[in-house]
Amino acid sequence: MIKKIGNGISKGLLLVFFVFVAILALPTFFGCHWVTIESGSMAPALPVGSVCFVAPQEKVERGDIITFTTGSKEEPLIVTHRIIGMAGSDEYVTKGDANTVSDEAVVQKDQLLGTVRFCIPYLGPFVRFMSSIHGKIVVCCGFAVLLCLAYLFQSKEQKEEDVPYDD
């Protein structure tokens, strides 16, 4: 009975692991990349800690939530704000939903990384940890432990089926 429970738990954890990897990896096959929301400037639409999937977009318009780079080339800052106006054909006036004033600098088209397609709230801290070297070590070790548990909790009948019989 304990082996069946352990086997079920290990298989369930493996499934959760693969679903999590799929959620983060699949959008990249469709040209998206993910960013985490670090401040409350877009609350409540994008809570702090959300993971947003951003896709390149050729045409953007007022009301779109865009992700763009700002700051120096040595230390670029990635910002996600809403377009509130156009300052030219390739210049956008942006503002965080929770901010009282618009951003000082207009966003040039070459700064634009894309538009936000969808977000998963509060997943950011976990994703940031899993992207770090410590997180990668935890994932590798965790995956190895889950595989070992799945093997150890195999039922005796399954192990006997794997052994060829000589008649």
Foldseek 3Di string as FASTA:
>chain_A
DVLVVLLVVLVVVVVVVVVVCCVQPVVVVVQWHWDAACDCLQPPVAHHQKIWIFHADPDDDAQFWFWFWDDDPVDIDIDTFGFHDAPDRFWTWTGHPNDPDIDPGIDGNVRTPGTTDDIDHNCRVVVVLCPDPNNVVCSVVVVVVSVVSNVVSDDPVVVVVVDDDDD
